[in-house]
Amino acid sequence: MDTREERIKRRAYEIWEREGRPTGREQEHWDQAVQEIEAEGSENERGPVVPDPTVADGSKSSTD
């Protein structure tokens, strides 16, 4: 499994390439990668979206 730092390095490199490989922006790319990886982690921690059972799905009429 990838460590957090390896994922950040990979993402920072992807950002650097996507922006045309500019020089002198290493810290900016690293910081952006950290933010993106952390955002992904918090999204994964929430778990799958489960439908609200109190909301009718339209398959039954309200008079059932």
PDB file of N, CA and C in Angstrom:
ATOM      1  N   MET A   1       0.840  -1.187   0.000  1.00  0.00           N
ATOM      2  CA  MET A   1       0.000   0.000   0.000  1.00  0.00           C
ATOM      3  C   MET A   1       0.884   1.250   0.000  1.00  0.00           C
ATOM      4  N   ASP A   2       0.433   2.266  -0.718  1.00  0.00           N
ATOM      5  CA  ASP A   2       1.194   3.505  -0.781  1.00  0.00           C
ATOM      6  C   ASP A   2       1.112   4.259   0.537  1.00  0.00           C
ATOM      7  N   THR A   3       2.226   4.850   0.902  1.00  0.00           N
ATOM      8  CA  THR A   3       2.185   5.721   2.064  1.00  0.00           C
ATOM      9  C   THR A   3       1.606   7.052   1.633  1.00  0.00           C
ATOM     10  N   ARG A   4       1.188   7.818   2.597  1.00  0.00           N
ATOM     11  CA  ARG A   4       0.625   9.144   2.310  1.00  0.00           C
ATOM     12  C   ARG A   4       1.641   9.996   1.553  1.00  0.00           C
ATOM     13  N   GLU A   5       2.894   9.957   1.981  1.00  0.00           N
ATOM     14  CA  GLU A   5       3.926  10.770   1.331  1.00  0.00           C
ATOM     15  C   GLU A   5       4.126  10.355  -0.131  1.00  0.00           C
ATOM     16  N   GLU A   6       4.084   9.060  -0.407  1.00  0.00           N
ATOM     17  CA  GLU A   6       4.238   8.595  -1.794  1.00  0.00           C
ATOM     18  C   GLU A   6       3.090   9.090  -2.661  1.00  0.00           C
ATOM     19  N   ARG A   7       1.872   9.068  -2.111  1.00  0.00           N
ATOM     20  CA  ARG A   7       0.718   9.555  -2.858  1.00  0.00           C
ATOM     21  C   ARG A   7       0.837  11.049  -3.128  1.00  0.00           C
ATOM     22  N   ILE A   8       1.313  11.793  -2.139  1.00  0.00           N
ATOM     23  CA  ILE A   8       1.489  13.238  -2.308  1.00  0.00           C
ATOM     24  C   ILE A   8       2.550  13.513  -3.368  1.00  0.00           C
ATOM     25  N   LYS A   9       3.669  12.792  -3.300  1.00  0.00           N
ATOM     26  CA  LYS A   9       4.728  12.973  -4.304  1.00  0.00           C
ATOM     27  C   LYS A   9       4.206  12.731  -5.710  1.00  0.00           C
ATOM     28  N   ARG A  10       3.474  11.651  -5.860  1.00  0.00           N
ATOM     29  CA  ARG A  10       2.936  11.299  -7.173  1.00  0.00           C
ATOM     30  C   ARG A  10       1.968  12.378  -7.665  1.00  0.00           C
ATOM     31  N   ARG A  11       1.105  12.854  -6.772  1.00  0.00           N
ATOM     32  CA  ARG A  11       0.135  13.878  -7.152  1.00  0.00           C
ATOM     33  C   ARG A  11       0.839  15.196  -7.480  1.00  0.00           C
ATOM     34  N   ALA A  12       1.836  15.584  -6.700  1.00  0.00           N
ATOM     35  CA  ALA A  12       2.583  16.817  -6.970  1.00  0.00           C
ATOM     36  C   ALA A  12       3.268  16.735  -8.335  1.00  0.00           C
ATOM     37  N   TYR A  13       3.796  15.578  -8.658  1.00  0.00           N
ATOM     38  CA  TYR A  13       4.431  15.378  -9.960  1.00  0.00           C
ATOM     39  C   TYR A  13       3.411  15.510 -11.080  1.00  0.00           C
ATOM     40  N   GLU A  14       2.231  14.937 -10.884  1.00  0.00           N
ATOM     41  CA  GLU A  14       1.168  15.042 -11.893  1.00  0.00           C
ATOM     42  C   GLU A  14       0.767  16.499 -12.103  1.00  0.00           C
ATOM     43  N   ILE A  15       0.652  17.257 -11.017  1.00  0.00           N
ATOM     44  CA  ILE A  15       0.302  18.672 -11.109  1.00  0.00           C
ATOM     45  C   ILE A  15       1.391  19.420 -11.864  1.00  0.00           C
ATOM     46  N   TRP A  16       2.647  19.144 -11.527  1.00  0.00           N
ATOM     47  CA  TRP A  16       3.792  19.783 -12.180  1.00  0.00           C
ATOM     48  C   TRP A  16       3.778  19.522 -13.680  1.00  0.00           C
ATOM     49  N   GLU A  17       3.538  18.284 -14.062  1.00  0.00           N
ATOM     50  CA  GLU A  17       3.481  17.945 -15.488  1.00  0.00           C
ATOM     51  C   GLU A  17       2.297  18.626 -16.173  1.00  0.00           C
ATOM     52  N   ARG A  18       1.150  18.590 -15.533  1.00  0.00           N
ATOM     53  CA  ARG A  18      -0.068  19.175 -16.107  1.00  0.00           C
ATOM     54  C   ARG A  18       0.102  20.673 -16.354  1.00  0.00           C
ATOM     55  N   GLU A  19       0.881  21.337 -15.498  1.00  0.00           N
ATOM     56  CA  GLU A  19       1.091  22.779 -15.628  1.00  0.00           C
ATOM     57  C   GLU A  19       2.283  23.129 -16.522  1.00  0.00           C
ATOM     58  N   GLY A  20       2.827  22.138 -17.220  1.00  0.00           N
ATOM     59  CA  GLY A  20       3.899  22.406 -18.175  1.00  0.00           C
ATOM     60  C   GLY A  20       5.300  22.364 -17.600  1.00  0.00           C
ATOM     61  N   ARG A  21       5.466  21.703 -16.472  1.00  0.00           N
ATOM     62  CA  ARG A  21       6.767  21.519 -15.822  1.00  0.00           C
ATOM     63  C   ARG A  21       7.484  22.838 -15.493  1.00  0.00           C
ATOM     64  N   PRO A  22       6.793  23.765 -14.851  1.00  0.00           N
ATOM     65  CA  PRO A  22       7.439  25.041 -14.508  1.00  0.00           C
ATOM     66  C   PRO A  22       8.475  24.855 -13.395  1.00  0.00           C
ATOM     67  N   THR A  23       9.468  25.709 -13.384  1.00  0.00           N
ATOM     68  CA  THR A  23      10.483  25.654 -12.329  1.00  0.00           C
ATOM     69  C   THR A  23      10.097  26.611 -11.208  1.00  0.00           C
ATOM     70  N   GLY A  24      10.561  26.306 -10.013  1.00  0.00           N
ATOM     71  CA  GLY A  24      10.376  27.188  -8.878  1.00  0.00           C
ATOM     72  C   GLY A  24       9.016  27.137  -8.210  1.00  0.00           C
ATOM     73  N   ARG A  25       8.194  26.159  -8.541  1.00  0.00           N
ATOM     74  CA  ARG A  25       6.855  26.079  -7.942  1.00  0.00           C
ATOM     75  C   ARG A  25       6.657  24.769  -7.194  1.00  0.00           C
ATOM     76  N   GLU A  26       7.753  24.170  -6.767  1.00  0.00           N
ATOM     77  CA  GLU A  26       7.681  22.876  -6.101  1.00  0.00           C
ATOM     78  C   GLU A  26       6.796  22.910  -4.861  1.00  0.00           C
ATOM     79  N   GLN A  27       6.969  23.934  -4.032  1.00  0.00           N
ATOM     80  CA  GLN A  27       6.205  24.017  -2.787  1.00  0.00           C
ATOM     81  C   GLN A  27       4.717  24.205  -3.078  1.00  0.00           C
ATOM     82  N   GLU A  28       4.409  25.013  -4.073  1.00  0.00           N
ATOM     83  CA  GLU A  28       3.015  25.231  -4.455  1.00  0.00           C
ATOM     84  C   GLU A  28       2.363  23.917  -4.900  1.00  0.00           C
ATOM     85  N   HIS A  29       3.094  23.148  -5.718  1.00  0.00           N
ATOM     86  CA  HIS A  29       2.564  21.873  -6.193  1.00  0.00           C
ATOM     87  C   HIS A  29       2.429  20.882  -5.042  1.00  0.00           C
ATOM     88  N   TRP A  30       3.392  20.877  -4.148  1.00  0.00           N
ATOM     89  CA  TRP A  30       3.332  19.980  -2.995  1.00  0.00           C
ATOM     90  C   TRP A  30       2.113  20.316  -2.136  1.00  0.00           C
ATOM     91  N   ASP A  31       1.928  21.613  -1.850  1.00  0.00           N
ATOM     92  CA  ASP A  31       0.809  22.031  -1.015  1.00  0.00           C
ATOM     93  C   ASP A  31      -0.534  21.680  -1.655  1.00  0.00           C
ATOM     94  N   GLN A  32      -0.623  21.876  -2.961  1.00  0.00           N
ATOM     95  CA  GLN A  32      -1.855  21.533  -3.671  1.00  0.00           C
ATOM     96  C   GLN A  32      -2.108  20.032  -3.600  1.00  0.00           C
ATOM     97  N   ALA A  33      -1.051  19.252  -3.762  1.00  0.00           N
ATOM     98  CA  ALA A  33      -1.180  17.795  -3.690  1.00  0.00           C
ATOM     99  C   ALA A  33      -1.644  17.362  -2.298  1.00  0.00           C
ATOM    100  N   VAL A  34      -1.095  17.971  -1.254  1.00  0.00           N
ATOM    101  CA  VAL A  34      -1.505  17.648   0.116  1.00  0.00           C
ATOM    102  C   VAL A  34      -2.995  17.919   0.284  1.00  0.00           C
ATOM    103  N   GLN A  35      -3.448  19.071  -0.191  1.00  0.00           N
ATOM    104  CA  GLN A  35      -4.863  19.416  -0.057  1.00  0.00           C
ATOM    105  C   GLN A  35      -5.753  18.417  -0.791  1.00  0.00           C
ATOM    106  N   GLU A  36      -5.354  18.040  -1.996  1.00  0.00           N
ATOM    107  CA  GLU A  36      -6.158  17.097  -2.779  1.00  0.00           C
ATOM    108  C   GLU A  36      -6.206  15.720  -2.124  1.00  0.00           C
ATOM    109  N   ILE A  37      -5.068  15.244  -1.645  1.00  0.00           N
ATOM    110  CA  ILE A  37      -5.014  13.929  -1.005  1.00  0.00           C
ATOM    111  C   ILE A  37      -5.844  13.937   0.278  1.00  0.00           C
ATOM    112  N   GLU A  38      -5.737  15.009   1.057  1.00  0.00           N
ATOM    113  CA  GLU A  38      -6.519  15.093   2.289  1.00  0.00           C
ATOM    114  C   GLU A  38      -8.014  15.139   1.986  1.00  0.00           C
ATOM    115  N   ALA A  39      -8.397  15.853   0.940  1.00  0.00           N
ATOM    116  CA  ALA A  39      -9.806  15.927   0.553  1.00  0.00           C
ATOM    117  C   ALA A  39     -10.319  14.548   0.141  1.00  0.00           C
ATOM    118  N   GLU A  40      -9.508  13.809  -0.596  1.00  0.00           N
ATOM    119  CA  GLU A  40      -9.894  12.458  -0.995  1.00  0.00           C
ATOM    120  C   GLU A  40     -10.074  11.570   0.224  1.00  0.00           C
ATOM    121  N   GLY A  41      -9.183  11.704   1.184  1.00  0.00           N
ATOM    122  CA  GLY A  41      -9.259  10.895   2.394  1.00  0.00           C
ATOM    123  C   GLY A  41     -10.519  11.170   3.174  1.00  0.00           C
ATOM    124  N   SER A  42     -10.896  12.440   3.296  1.00  0.00           N
ATOM    125  CA  SER A  42     -12.105  12.757   4.055  1.00  0.00           C
ATOM    126  C   SER A  42     -13.344  12.291   3.316  1.00  0.00           C
ATOM    127  N   GLU A  43     -13.310  12.294   1.987  1.00  0.00           N
ATOM    128  CA  GLU A  43     -14.437  11.783   1.215  1.00  0.00           C
ATOM    129  C   GLU A  43     -14.588  10.280   1.445  1.00  0.00           C
ATOM    130  N   ASN A  44     -13.486   9.563   1.477  1.00  0.00           N
ATOM    131  CA  ASN A  44     -13.529   8.115   1.663  1.00  0.00           C
ATOM    132  C   ASN A  44     -13.972   7.735   3.069  1.00  0.00           C
ATOM    133  N   GLU A  45     -13.687   8.576   4.049  1.00  0.00           N
ATOM    134  CA  GLU A  45     -14.046   8.268   5.421  1.00  0.00           C
ATOM    135  C   GLU A  45     -15.545   8.362   5.654  1.00  0.00           C
ATOM    136  N   ARG A  46     -16.235   9.108   4.824  1.00  0.00           N
ATOM    137  CA  ARG A  46     -17.669   9.265   5.009  1.00  0.00           C
ATOM    138  C   ARG A  46     -18.435   8.009   4.644  1.00  0.00           C
ATOM    139  N   GLY A  47     -17.867   7.168   3.830  1.00  0.00           N
ATOM    140  CA  GLY A  47     -18.530   5.936   3.444  1.00  0.00           C
ATOM    141  C   GLY A  47     -19.470   6.146   2.282  1.00  0.00           C
ATOM    142  N   PRO A  48     -20.136   5.070   1.885  1.00  0.00           N
ATOM    143  CA  PRO A  48     -21.035   5.158   0.737  1.00  0.00           C
ATOM    144  C   PRO A  48     -22.287   5.963   1.067  1.00  0.00           C
ATOM    145  N   VAL A  49     -22.857   6.547   0.042  1.00  0.00           N
ATOM    146  CA  VAL A  49     -24.095   7.289   0.214  1.00  0.00           C
ATOM    147  C   VAL A  49     -25.241   6.284   0.258  1.00  0.00           C
ATOM    148  N   VAL A  50     -26.041   6.357   1.309  1.00  0.00           N
ATOM    149  CA  VAL A  50     -27.165   5.447   1.490  1.00  0.00           C
ATOM    150  C   VAL A  50     -28.444   6.261   1.323  1.00  0.00           C
ATOM    151  N   PRO A  51     -29.378   5.756   0.544  1.00  0.00           N
ATOM    152  CA  PRO A  51     -30.637   6.491   0.367  1.00  0.00           C
ATOM    153  C   PRO A  51     -31.350   6.690   1.688  1.00  0.00           C
ATOM    154  N   ASP A  52     -32.004   7.831   1.811  1.00  0.00           N
ATOM    155  CA  ASP A  52     -32.778   8.141   3.002  1.00  0.00           C
ATOM    156  C   ASP A  52     -34.065   7.322   2.971  1.00  0.00           C
ATOM    157  N   PRO A  53     -34.294   6.421   3.923  1.00  0.00           N
ATOM    158  CA  PRO A  53     -35.480   5.550   3.890  1.00  0.00           C
ATOM    159  C   PRO A  53     -36.781   6.320   4.106  1.00  0.00           C
ATOM    160  N   THR A  54     -36.706   7.547   4.593  1.00  0.00           N
ATOM    161  CA  THR A  54     -37.928   8.322   4.824  1.00  0.00           C
ATOM    162  C   THR A  54     -38.417   9.028   3.575  1.00  0.00           C
ATOM    163  N   VAL A  55     -37.608   8.986   2.503  1.00  0.00           N
ATOM    164  CA  VAL A  55     -37.998   9.628   1.252  1.00  0.00           C
ATOM    165  C   VAL A  55     -38.578   8.572   0.331  1.00  0.00           C
ATOM    166  N   ALA A  56     -39.790   8.832  -0.187  1.00  0.00           N
ATOM    167  CA  ALA A  56     -40.444   7.879  -1.088  1.00  0.00           C
ATOM    168  C   ALA A  56     -39.655   7.781  -2.377  1.00  0.00           C
ATOM    169  N   ASP A  57     -39.521   6.560  -2.896  1.00  0.00           N
ATOM    170  CA  ASP A  57     -38.775   6.361  -4.130  1.00  0.00           C
ATOM    171  C   ASP A  57     -39.668   6.382  -5.361  1.00  0.00           C
ATOM    172  N   GLY A  58     -40.964   6.593  -5.188  1.00  0.00           N
ATOM    173  CA  GLY A  58     -41.877   6.666  -6.316  1.00  0.00           C
ATOM    174  C   GLY A  58     -42.452   5.329  -6.723  1.00  0.00           C
ATOM    175  N   SER A  59     -41.983   4.238  -6.127  1.00  0.00           N
ATOM    176  CA  SER A  59     -42.487   2.912  -6.525  1.00  0.00           C
ATOM    177  C   SER A  59     -43.816   2.589  -5.844  1.00  0.00           C
ATOM    178  N   LYS A  60     -44.140   3.284  -4.757  1.00  0.00           N
ATOM    179  CA  LYS A  60     -45.407   3.053  -4.065  1.00  0.00           C
ATOM    180  C   LYS A  60     -46.190   4.363  -4.028  1.00  0.00           C
ATOM    181  N   SER A  61     -47.471   4.254  -4.060  1.00  0.00           N
ATOM    182  CA  SER A  61     -48.261   5.470  -3.932  1.00  0.00           C
ATOM    183  C   SER A  61     -48.411   5.802  -2.466  1.00  0.00           C
ATOM    184  N   SER A  62     -48.735   7.033  -2.175  1.00  0.00           N
ATOM    185  CA  SER A  62     -48.841   7.455  -0.780  1.00  0.00           C
ATOM    186  C   SER A  62     -50.088   6.889  -0.100  1.00  0.00           C
ATOM    187  N   THR A  63     -50.984   6.236  -0.859  1.00  0.00           N
ATOM    188  CA  THR A  63     -52.195   5.668  -0.273  1.00  0.00           C
ATOM    189  C   THR A  63     -52.061   4.198   0.077  1.00  0.00           C
ATOM    190  N   ASP A  64     -50.890   3.604  -0.105  1.00  0.00           N
ATOM    191  CA  ASP A  64     -50.680   2.169   0.194  1.00  0.00           C
ATOM    192  C   ASP A  64     -50.792   1.891   1.652  1.00  0.00           C
TER     193      ASP A  64
END
